[in-house]
Amino acid sequence: MSFLNLKNKNILITGVANKKSVAYHVGKVLVEEGANVLYSVRSKERKNSVEKLLAPAPVYVCDVEREEEIDKLQKQLAGDVETLHGLVHSIAFANYADGLKPFHETPKKDFLQSMDITCYSLIRLADAFKGMFDSSASVVTISISTTRMAAENYGYMAPAKAALDSSLCFLAKSFSAFSKVRFNSVNAGLLKTSASAGIPGYIDSYLHAEELTLRKKALTTEEVANTAVFLLSERSSGINAQGIVLDAGMSVNYFDTDIVRKAQRPD
């Protein structure tokens, strides 16, 4: 038996966009562990673009902004599998189409849409699948390493992720009344994904973050996926309502001698 004991476990993964997605890499590791992976994407167009990539796994369509589609997804899955042993929530959105704005100028509709997709979708999905979850199922969401750093180009996505992080403890508490379902997050540092590529000025932030890691090498998507799979497994049974920070030591290294020297005496 594998150490993680995920063979034949039914895991639903949301949010695959392409090969660079965290969700894709989580699914890849789960397949290697023998899990039965199912996917949900936001549109028919996305399904058409990733279906071959994810084959032979089933791919469902669910736009989480539409509650009726979440209910439809639940019914479709209930017709295909009896029990869900895990859910991976890898969904987030911020509208950067109009470029960067000072935070205090954030449009209400953009802020609320980000909250809806990034945070509320987890709450709604958890509620929709509560009757299908195995009593000891694990729910894992993908967050960020810190929401207490005002990165201007990340903008209102950070408050949305902060709400997501806070929601974990409330979900864990409310589900504890009738199950042992766990809710945790992987709080990742800066990654090379197609989603991050849409953030204005992201590449400069990514390169700076890489210099700040203790190992001088950026966090990889595979490392995030490995941690998510661990949290999905029974080997993490004692972890609940927590955020596991993955930043390769960046958060303890802001006063790195070389970085300070470059900042004070740039070439």
C-alpha atoms as a PDB file:
ATOM      1  CA  MET A   1       0.000   0.000   0.000  1.00  0.00           C
ATOM      2  CA  SER A   2       1.173   3.511  -0.819  1.00  0.00           C
ATOM      3  CA  PHE A   3       2.107   5.716   2.140  1.00  0.00           C
ATOM      4  CA  LEU A   4      -0.607   8.191   1.152  1.00  0.00           C
ATOM      5  CA  ASN A   5      -3.246   5.485   0.583  1.00  0.00           C
ATOM      6  CA  LEU A   6      -5.044   7.430  -2.148  1.00  0.00           C
ATOM      7  CA  LYS A   7      -5.603   4.503  -4.516  1.00  0.00           C
ATOM      8  CA  ASN A   8      -9.169   4.452  -5.902  1.00  0.00           C
ATOM      9  CA  LYS A   9     -10.118   7.537  -3.898  1.00  0.00           C
ATOM     10  CA  ASN A  10     -12.447   9.898  -5.779  1.00  0.00           C
ATOM     11  CA  ILE A  11     -11.025  13.423  -5.932  1.00  0.00           C
ATOM     12  CA  LEU A  12     -12.671  16.365  -7.702  1.00  0.00           C
ATOM     13  CA  ILE A  13     -10.282  19.033  -8.975  1.00  0.00           C
ATOM     14  CA  THR A  14     -11.505  22.463 -10.047  1.00  0.00           C
ATOM     15  CA  GLY A  15      -9.631  25.137 -11.950  1.00  0.00           C
ATOM     16  CA  VAL A  16      -7.392  23.487 -14.549  1.00  0.00           C
ATOM     17  CA  ALA A  17      -6.551  25.956 -17.317  1.00  0.00           C
ATOM     18  CA  ASN A  18      -3.487  24.352 -18.896  1.00  0.00           C
ATOM     19  CA  LYS A  19      -0.287  22.418 -18.122  1.00  0.00           C
ATOM     20  CA  LYS A  20       1.027  25.255 -15.963  1.00  0.00           C
ATOM     21  CA  SER A  21      -1.960  25.202 -13.604  1.00  0.00           C
ATOM     22  CA  VAL A  22      -1.476  24.110 -10.008  1.00  0.00           C
ATOM     23  CA  ALA A  23      -4.653  22.073 -10.432  1.00  0.00           C
ATOM     24  CA  TYR A  24      -3.155  20.173 -13.367  1.00  0.00           C
ATOM     25  CA  HIS A  25      -0.075  19.217 -11.354  1.00  0.00           C
ATOM     26  CA  VAL A  26      -2.188  18.146  -8.378  1.00  0.00           C
ATOM     27  CA  GLY A  27      -4.139  15.860 -10.684  1.00  0.00           C
ATOM     28  CA  LYS A  28      -0.942  14.466 -12.174  1.00  0.00           C
ATOM     29  CA  VAL A  29       0.402  13.470  -8.750  1.00  0.00           C
ATOM     30  CA  LEU A  30      -2.959  12.016  -7.722  1.00  0.00           C
ATOM     31  CA  VAL A  31      -3.065   9.843 -10.842  1.00  0.00           C
ATOM     32  CA  GLU A  32       0.437   8.597 -10.029  1.00  0.00           C
ATOM     33  CA  GLU A  33      -0.906   7.647  -6.582  1.00  0.00           C
ATOM     34  CA  GLY A  34      -3.756   5.675  -8.139  1.00  0.00           C
ATOM     35  CA  ALA A  35      -6.575   8.075  -7.303  1.00  0.00           C
ATOM     36  CA  ASN A  36      -9.693   8.410  -9.428  1.00  0.00           C
ATOM     37  CA  VAL A  37      -9.524  12.052 -10.523  1.00  0.00           C
ATOM     38  CA  LEU A  38     -12.450  14.068 -11.849  1.00  0.00           C
ATOM     39  CA  TYR A  39     -12.185  17.609 -13.153  1.00  0.00           C
ATOM     40  CA  SER A  40     -14.415  20.654 -13.351  1.00  0.00           C
ATOM     41  CA  VAL A  41     -13.652  23.667 -15.554  1.00  0.00           C
ATOM     42  CA  ARG A  42     -15.483  26.950 -16.019  1.00  0.00           C
ATOM     43  CA  SER A  43     -16.660  26.743 -19.636  1.00  0.00           C
ATOM     44  CA  LYS A  44     -17.249  24.481 -22.619  1.00  0.00           C
ATOM     45  CA  GLU A  45     -14.400  26.245 -24.403  1.00  0.00           C
ATOM     46  CA  ARG A  46     -12.041  25.428 -21.533  1.00  0.00           C
ATOM     47  CA  LYS A  47     -13.255  21.836 -21.522  1.00  0.00           C
ATOM     48  CA  ASN A  48     -12.459  21.537 -25.224  1.00  0.00           C
ATOM     49  CA  SER A  49      -8.951  22.914 -24.667  1.00  0.00           C
ATOM     50  CA  VAL A  50      -8.007  20.637 -21.740  1.00  0.00           C
ATOM     51  CA  GLU A  51      -9.961  17.441 -22.371  1.00  0.00           C
ATOM     52  CA  LYS A  52      -7.142  15.737 -24.271  1.00  0.00           C
ATOM     53  CA  LEU A  53      -4.656  16.901 -21.661  1.00  0.00           C
ATOM     54  CA  LEU A  54      -6.702  15.325 -18.851  1.00  0.00           C
ATOM     55  CA  ALA A  55      -7.896  12.186 -20.658  1.00  0.00           C
ATOM     56  CA  PRO A  56      -9.179   9.653 -19.743  1.00  0.00           C
ATOM     57  CA  ALA A  57     -10.528  11.508 -16.686  1.00  0.00           C
ATOM     58  CA  PRO A  58     -14.036  12.987 -16.996  1.00  0.00           C
ATOM     59  CA  VAL A  59     -14.233  16.762 -17.361  1.00  0.00           C
ATOM     60  CA  TYR A  60     -17.357  18.614 -16.262  1.00  0.00           C
ATOM     61  CA  VAL A  61     -18.333  22.230 -16.867  1.00  0.00           C
ATOM     62  CA  CYS A  62     -19.224  24.515 -13.971  1.00  0.00           C
ATOM     63  CA  ASP A  63     -19.083  28.297 -13.864  1.00  0.00           C
ATOM     64  CA  VAL A  64     -18.979  28.875 -10.093  1.00  0.00           C
ATOM     65  CA  GLU A  65     -20.522  32.326 -10.487  1.00  0.00           C
ATOM     66  CA  ARG A  66     -23.751  30.529 -11.382  1.00  0.00           C
ATOM     67  CA  GLU A  67     -25.170  28.658  -8.401  1.00  0.00           C
ATOM     68  CA  GLU A  68     -27.402  26.552 -10.612  1.00  0.00           C
ATOM     69  CA  GLU A  69     -24.301  25.205 -12.353  1.00  0.00           C
ATOM     70  CA  ILE A  70     -22.823  24.138  -9.014  1.00  0.00           C
ATOM     71  CA  ASP A  71     -26.037  22.241  -8.279  1.00  0.00           C
ATOM     72  CA  LYS A  72     -25.892  20.693 -11.751  1.00  0.00           C
ATOM     73  CA  LEU A  73     -22.284  19.622 -11.171  1.00  0.00           C
ATOM     74  CA  GLN A  74     -23.257  17.937  -7.919  1.00  0.00           C
ATOM     75  CA  LYS A  75     -26.007  15.978  -9.652  1.00  0.00           C
ATOM     76  CA  GLN A  76     -23.700  14.937 -12.489  1.00  0.00           C
ATOM     77  CA  LEU A  77     -21.035  13.694 -10.094  1.00  0.00           C
ATOM     78  CA  ALA A  78     -23.579  11.904  -7.940  1.00  0.00           C
ATOM     79  CA  GLY A  79     -24.586   9.980 -11.042  1.00  0.00           C
ATOM     80  CA  ASP A  80     -20.992   8.925 -11.714  1.00  0.00           C
ATOM     81  CA  VAL A  81     -19.493   8.322  -8.254  1.00  0.00           C
ATOM     82  CA  GLU A  82     -21.104   7.511  -4.939  1.00  0.00           C
ATOM     83  CA  THR A  83     -18.585   9.211  -2.686  1.00  0.00           C
ATOM     84  CA  LEU A  84     -16.085  12.059  -2.864  1.00  0.00           C
ATOM     85  CA  HIS A  85     -12.934  11.609  -0.790  1.00  0.00           C
ATOM     86  CA  GLY A  86     -11.477  14.975  -1.658  1.00  0.00           C
ATOM     87  CA  LEU A  87     -12.018  18.331  -3.317  1.00  0.00           C
ATOM     88  CA  VAL A  88      -9.337  20.646  -4.692  1.00  0.00           C
ATOM     89  CA  HIS A  89     -10.431  24.270  -4.986  1.00  0.00           C
ATOM     90  CA  SER A  90      -7.986  26.034  -7.301  1.00  0.00           C
ATOM     91  CA  ILE A  91     -10.127  28.922  -8.469  1.00  0.00           C
ATOM     92  CA  ALA A  92      -9.434  32.649  -8.279  1.00  0.00           C
ATOM     93  CA  PHE A  93     -10.096  35.703 -10.406  1.00  0.00           C
ATOM     94  CA  ALA A  94      -9.371  39.412 -10.521  1.00  0.00           C
ATOM     95  CA  ASN A  95     -10.205  41.690 -13.425  1.00  0.00           C
ATOM     96  CA  TYR A  96      -7.033  43.464 -14.534  1.00  0.00           C
ATOM     97  CA  ALA A  97      -8.432  44.395 -17.962  1.00  0.00           C
ATOM     98  CA  ASP A  98      -8.356  48.117 -17.198  1.00  0.00           C
ATOM     99  CA  GLY A  99      -4.827  48.010 -15.800  1.00  0.00           C
ATOM    100  CA  LEU A 100      -3.629  48.845 -12.326  1.00  0.00           C
ATOM    101  CA  LYS A 101      -5.604  51.226 -10.141  1.00  0.00           C
ATOM    102  CA  PRO A 102      -4.838  52.488  -6.631  1.00  0.00           C
ATOM    103  CA  PHE A 103      -6.521  50.125  -4.185  1.00  0.00           C
ATOM    104  CA  HIS A 104      -8.949  52.775  -2.961  1.00  0.00           C
ATOM    105  CA  GLU A 105     -10.264  53.123  -6.537  1.00  0.00           C
ATOM    106  CA  THR A 106     -11.188  49.430  -6.808  1.00  0.00           C
ATOM    107  CA  PRO A 107     -14.536  49.156  -8.633  1.00  0.00           C
ATOM    108  CA  LYS A 108     -17.236  47.569  -6.490  1.00  0.00           C
ATOM    109  CA  LYS A 109     -18.295  45.124  -9.198  1.00  0.00           C
ATOM    110  CA  ASP A 110     -14.716  43.880  -9.681  1.00  0.00           C
ATOM    111  CA  PHE A 111     -14.153  43.477  -5.944  1.00  0.00           C
ATOM    112  CA  LEU A 112     -17.388  41.562  -5.412  1.00  0.00           C
ATOM    113  CA  GLN A 113     -16.792  39.357  -8.444  1.00  0.00           C
ATOM    114  CA  SER A 114     -13.343  38.450  -7.124  1.00  0.00           C
ATOM    115  CA  MET A 115     -14.823  37.600  -3.714  1.00  0.00           C
ATOM    116  CA  ASP A 116     -17.528  35.506  -5.350  1.00  0.00           C
ATOM    117  CA  ILE A 117     -15.161  33.448  -7.516  1.00  0.00           C
ATOM    118  CA  THR A 118     -12.141  33.308  -5.225  1.00  0.00           C
ATOM    119  CA  CYS A 119     -13.795  32.797  -1.839  1.00  0.00           C
ATOM    120  CA  TYR A 120     -17.532  32.181  -1.907  1.00  0.00           C
ATOM    121  CA  SER A 121     -17.170  29.443  -4.524  1.00  0.00           C
ATOM    122  CA  LEU A 122     -15.424  27.250  -1.942  1.00  0.00           C
ATOM    123  CA  ILE A 123     -18.246  27.732   0.554  1.00  0.00           C
ATOM    124  CA  ARG A 124     -20.886  26.976  -2.046  1.00  0.00           C
ATOM    125  CA  LEU A 125     -19.074  23.916  -3.433  1.00  0.00           C
ATOM    126  CA  ALA A 126     -18.564  22.517   0.068  1.00  0.00           C
ATOM    127  CA  ASP A 127     -22.257  22.908   0.832  1.00  0.00           C
ATOM    128  CA  ALA A 128     -23.300  21.357  -2.487  1.00  0.00           C
ATOM    129  CA  PHE A 129     -21.135  18.269  -1.952  1.00  0.00           C
ATOM    130  CA  LYS A 130     -21.671  17.798   1.793  1.00  0.00           C
ATOM    131  CA  GLY A 131     -23.927  14.819   1.192  1.00  0.00           C
ATOM    132  CA  MET A 132     -21.371  13.142  -1.085  1.00  0.00           C
ATOM    133  CA  PHE A 133     -18.267  13.652   1.014  1.00  0.00           C
ATOM    134  CA  ASP A 134     -16.779  10.649   2.746  1.00  0.00           C
ATOM    135  CA  SER A 135     -16.958  11.229   6.491  1.00  0.00           C
ATOM    136  CA  SER A 136     -13.191  11.837   6.554  1.00  0.00           C
ATOM    137  CA  ALA A 137     -12.886  13.682   3.237  1.00  0.00           C
ATOM    138  CA  SER A 138     -10.305  16.414   2.740  1.00  0.00           C
ATOM    139  CA  VAL A 139     -10.899  19.772   1.060  1.00  0.00           C
ATOM    140  CA  VAL A 140      -7.843  21.715  -0.079  1.00  0.00           C
ATOM    141  CA  THR A 141      -7.765  25.215  -1.536  1.00  0.00           C
ATOM    142  CA  ILE A 142      -4.850  27.083  -3.091  1.00  0.00           C
ATOM    143  CA  SER A 143      -4.088  30.423  -1.462  1.00  0.00           C
ATOM    144  CA  ILE A 144      -1.089  32.760  -1.214  1.00  0.00           C
ATOM    145  CA  SER A 145       1.805  32.855   1.240  1.00  0.00           C
ATOM    146  CA  THR A 146       0.692  36.092   2.898  1.00  0.00           C
ATOM    147  CA  THR A 147      -2.209  38.502   2.629  1.00  0.00           C
ATOM    148  CA  ARG A 148      -0.513  41.016   4.926  1.00  0.00           C
ATOM    149  CA  MET A 149       1.829  42.396   2.289  1.00  0.00           C
ATOM    150  CA  ALA A 150       0.473  45.249   0.171  1.00  0.00           C
ATOM    151  CA  ALA A 151       1.807  44.263  -3.235  1.00  0.00           C
ATOM    152  CA  GLU A 152       0.355  47.001  -5.423  1.00  0.00           C
ATOM    153  CA  ASN A 153       0.074  44.869  -8.535  1.00  0.00           C
ATOM    154  CA  TYR A 154      -1.831  42.126  -6.688  1.00  0.00           C
ATOM    155  CA  GLY A 155      -4.432  44.605  -5.507  1.00  0.00           C
ATOM    156  CA  TYR A 156      -7.807  43.412  -4.279  1.00  0.00           C
ATOM    157  CA  MET A 157      -6.986  39.761  -4.924  1.00  0.00           C
ATOM    158  CA  ALA A 158      -5.165  39.713  -1.564  1.00  0.00           C
ATOM    159  CA  PRO A 159      -8.280  40.667   0.448  1.00  0.00           C
ATOM    160  CA  ALA A 160     -10.205  38.006  -1.489  1.00  0.00           C
ATOM    161  CA  LYS A 161      -7.582  35.419  -0.548  1.00  0.00           C
ATOM    162  CA  ALA A 162      -7.664  36.643   3.058  1.00  0.00           C
ATOM    163  CA  ALA A 163     -11.411  35.960   3.082  1.00  0.00           C
ATOM    164  CA  LEU A 164     -10.718  32.522   1.610  1.00  0.00           C
ATOM    165  CA  ASP A 165      -8.184  31.768   4.354  1.00  0.00           C
ATOM    166  CA  SER A 166     -10.611  32.895   7.054  1.00  0.00           C
ATOM    167  CA  SER A 167     -13.429  30.808   5.578  1.00  0.00           C
ATOM    168  CA  LEU A 168     -11.467  27.608   6.174  1.00  0.00           C
ATOM    169  CA  CYS A 169     -11.869  27.698   9.942  1.00  0.00           C
ATOM    170  CA  PHE A 170     -15.583  28.425   9.687  1.00  0.00           C
ATOM    171  CA  LEU A 171     -16.104  25.595   7.189  1.00  0.00           C
ATOM    172  CA  ALA A 172     -14.089  23.199   9.345  1.00  0.00           C
ATOM    173  CA  LYS A 173     -16.107  24.183  12.410  1.00  0.00           C
ATOM    174  CA  SER A 174     -19.519  23.908  10.756  1.00  0.00           C
ATOM    175  CA  PHE A 175     -18.722  20.554   9.107  1.00  0.00           C
ATOM    176  CA  SER A 176     -17.433  19.190  12.416  1.00  0.00           C
ATOM    177  CA  ALA A 177     -21.035  19.067  13.645  1.00  0.00           C
ATOM    178  CA  PHE A 178     -21.740  16.071  11.414  1.00  0.00           C
ATOM    179  CA  SER A 179     -18.459  14.791   9.930  1.00  0.00           C
ATOM    180  CA  LYS A 180     -14.673  14.673  10.086  1.00  0.00           C
ATOM    181  CA  VAL A 181     -14.238  16.522   6.787  1.00  0.00           C
ATOM    182  CA  ARG A 182     -11.127  18.705   6.904  1.00  0.00           C
ATOM    183  CA  PHE A 183     -10.486  22.084   5.258  1.00  0.00           C
ATOM    184  CA  ASN A 184      -6.953  23.316   4.647  1.00  0.00           C
ATOM    185  CA  SER A 185      -5.026  25.507   2.239  1.00  0.00           C
ATOM    186  CA  VAL A 186      -1.662  25.514   0.541  1.00  0.00           C
ATOM    187  CA  ASN A 187      -0.428  29.083   0.879  1.00  0.00           C
ATOM    188  CA  ALA A 188       2.040  29.351  -1.947  1.00  0.00           C
ATOM    189  CA  GLY A 189       4.656  31.935  -2.777  1.00  0.00           C
ATOM    190  CA  LEU A 190       5.068  33.323  -6.274  1.00  0.00           C
ATOM    191  CA  LEU A 191       4.702  30.767  -9.089  1.00  0.00           C
ATOM    192  CA  LYS A 192       5.017  30.613 -12.857  1.00  0.00           C
ATOM    193  CA  THR A 193       1.426  30.001 -13.952  1.00  0.00           C
ATOM    194  CA  SER A 194      -0.734  31.376 -16.738  1.00  0.00           C
ATOM    195  CA  ALA A 195      -2.947  33.036 -14.119  1.00  0.00           C
ATOM    196  CA  SER A 196      -0.024  34.901 -12.557  1.00  0.00           C
ATOM    197  CA  ALA A 197       1.137  35.993 -16.004  1.00  0.00           C
ATOM    198  CA  GLY A 198      -1.989  38.139 -16.206  1.00  0.00           C
ATOM    199  CA  ILE A 199      -0.948  40.217 -13.189  1.00  0.00           C
ATOM    200  CA  PRO A 200       0.668  43.498 -14.293  1.00  0.00           C
ATOM    201  CA  GLY A 201       4.386  43.613 -13.470  1.00  0.00           C
ATOM    202  CA  TYR A 202       4.352  40.073 -12.108  1.00  0.00           C
ATOM    203  CA  ILE A 203       7.637  38.926 -13.643  1.00  0.00           C
ATOM    204  CA  ASP A 204       9.601  41.559 -11.706  1.00  0.00           C
ATOM    205  CA  SER A 205       7.942  40.489  -8.467  1.00  0.00           C
ATOM    206  CA  TYR A 206       8.607  36.833  -9.265  1.00  0.00           C
ATOM    207  CA  LEU A 207      12.319  37.420  -9.881  1.00  0.00           C
ATOM    208  CA  HIS A 208      12.601  39.499  -6.703  1.00  0.00           C
ATOM    209  CA  ALA A 209      10.862  36.788  -4.688  1.00  0.00           C
ATOM    210  CA  GLU A 210      13.234  34.191  -6.091  1.00  0.00           C
ATOM    211  CA  GLU A 211      16.209  36.187  -4.824  1.00  0.00           C
ATOM    212  CA  LEU A 212      14.621  36.360  -1.389  1.00  0.00           C
ATOM    213  CA  THR A 213      14.205  32.594  -0.994  1.00  0.00           C
ATOM    214  CA  LEU A 214      16.793  30.963   1.204  1.00  0.00           C
ATOM    215  CA  ARG A 215      17.761  28.590  -1.577  1.00  0.00           C
ATOM    216  CA  LYS A 216      17.810  31.321  -4.269  1.00  0.00           C
ATOM    217  CA  LYS A 217      15.439  29.209  -6.346  1.00  0.00           C
ATOM    218  CA  ALA A 218      11.775  29.966  -6.824  1.00  0.00           C
ATOM    219  CA  LEU A 219       8.984  27.771  -5.560  1.00  0.00           C
ATOM    220  CA  THR A 220       7.773  25.276  -8.139  1.00  0.00           C
ATOM    221  CA  THR A 221       4.244  24.313  -9.052  1.00  0.00           C
ATOM    222  CA  GLU A 222       5.173  20.670  -8.434  1.00  0.00           C
ATOM    223  CA  GLU A 223       6.072  21.490  -4.822  1.00  0.00           C
ATOM    224  CA  VAL A 224       2.678  23.087  -4.295  1.00  0.00           C
ATOM    225  CA  ALA A 225       0.982  20.067  -5.855  1.00  0.00           C
ATOM    226  CA  ASN A 226       2.889  17.653  -3.621  1.00  0.00           C
ATOM    227  CA  THR A 227       1.765  19.511  -0.509  1.00  0.00           C
ATOM    228  CA  ALA A 228      -1.841  19.619  -1.696  1.00  0.00           C
ATOM    229  CA  VAL A 229      -1.812  15.858  -2.295  1.00  0.00           C
ATOM    230  CA  PHE A 230      -0.397  15.275   1.188  1.00  0.00           C
ATOM    231  CA  LEU A 231      -3.250  17.330   2.638  1.00  0.00           C
ATOM    232  CA  LEU A 232      -5.731  15.259   0.639  1.00  0.00           C
ATOM    233  CA  SER A 233      -4.358  12.070   2.137  1.00  0.00           C
ATOM    234  CA  GLU A 234      -5.082  10.390   5.474  1.00  0.00           C
ATOM    235  CA  ARG A 235      -1.472  11.062   6.486  1.00  0.00           C
ATOM    236  CA  SER A 236      -2.467  14.663   7.210  1.00  0.00           C
ATOM    237  CA  SER A 237      -5.470  13.656   9.336  1.00  0.00           C
ATOM    238  CA  GLY A 238      -4.384  15.834  12.259  1.00  0.00           C
ATOM    239  CA  ILE A 239      -4.270  19.000  10.155  1.00  0.00           C
ATOM    240  CA  ASN A 240      -7.511  20.970   9.965  1.00  0.00           C
ATOM    241  CA  ALA A 241      -8.421  24.633   9.431  1.00  0.00           C
ATOM    242  CA  GLN A 242      -4.800  25.456   8.629  1.00  0.00           C
ATOM    243  CA  GLY A 243      -2.828  27.191   5.924  1.00  0.00           C
ATOM    244  CA  ILE A 244       0.463  25.495   5.055  1.00  0.00           C
ATOM    245  CA  VAL A 245       2.883  28.190   3.885  1.00  0.00           C
ATOM    246  CA  LEU A 246       5.194  27.258   1.009  1.00  0.00           C
ATOM    247  CA  ASP A 247       7.593  30.057   0.179  1.00  0.00           C
ATOM    248  CA  ALA A 248      11.046  28.415   0.258  1.00  0.00           C
ATOM    249  CA  GLY A 249      11.913  30.552   3.293  1.00  0.00           C
ATOM    250  CA  MET A 250      11.169  33.906   1.658  1.00  0.00           C
ATOM    251  CA  SER A 251       9.229  35.229   4.657  1.00  0.00           C
ATOM    252  CA  VAL A 252      12.250  34.988   6.965  1.00  0.00           C
ATOM    253  CA  ASN A 253      14.753  36.452   4.546  1.00  0.00           C
ATOM    254  CA  TYR A 254      13.731  40.059   3.876  1.00  0.00           C
ATOM    255  CA  PHE A 255      16.989  41.343   5.346  1.00  0.00           C
ATOM    256  CA  ASP A 256      19.228  39.163   3.232  1.00  0.00           C
ATOM    257  CA  THR A 257      22.615  40.937   3.085  1.00  0.00           C
ATOM    258  CA  ASP A 258      22.879  40.876  -0.711  1.00  0.00           C
ATOM    259  CA  ILE A 259      19.324  42.150  -1.191  1.00  0.00           C
ATOM    260  CA  VAL A 260      19.836  44.988   1.292  1.00  0.00           C
ATOM    261  CA  ARG A 261      23.128  45.936  -0.375  1.00  0.00           C
ATOM    262  CA  LYS A 262      21.515  46.043  -3.827  1.00  0.00           C
ATOM    263  CA  ALA A 263      18.647  48.157  -2.509  1.00  0.00           C
ATOM    264  CA  GLN A 264      20.953  50.671  -0.818  1.00  0.00           C
ATOM    265  CA  ARG A 265      23.648  50.777  -3.496  1.00  0.00           C
ATOM    266  CA  PRO A 266      22.095  49.695  -6.804  1.00  0.00           C
ATOM    267  CA  ASP A 267      24.514  49.271  -9.694  1.00  0.00           C
END
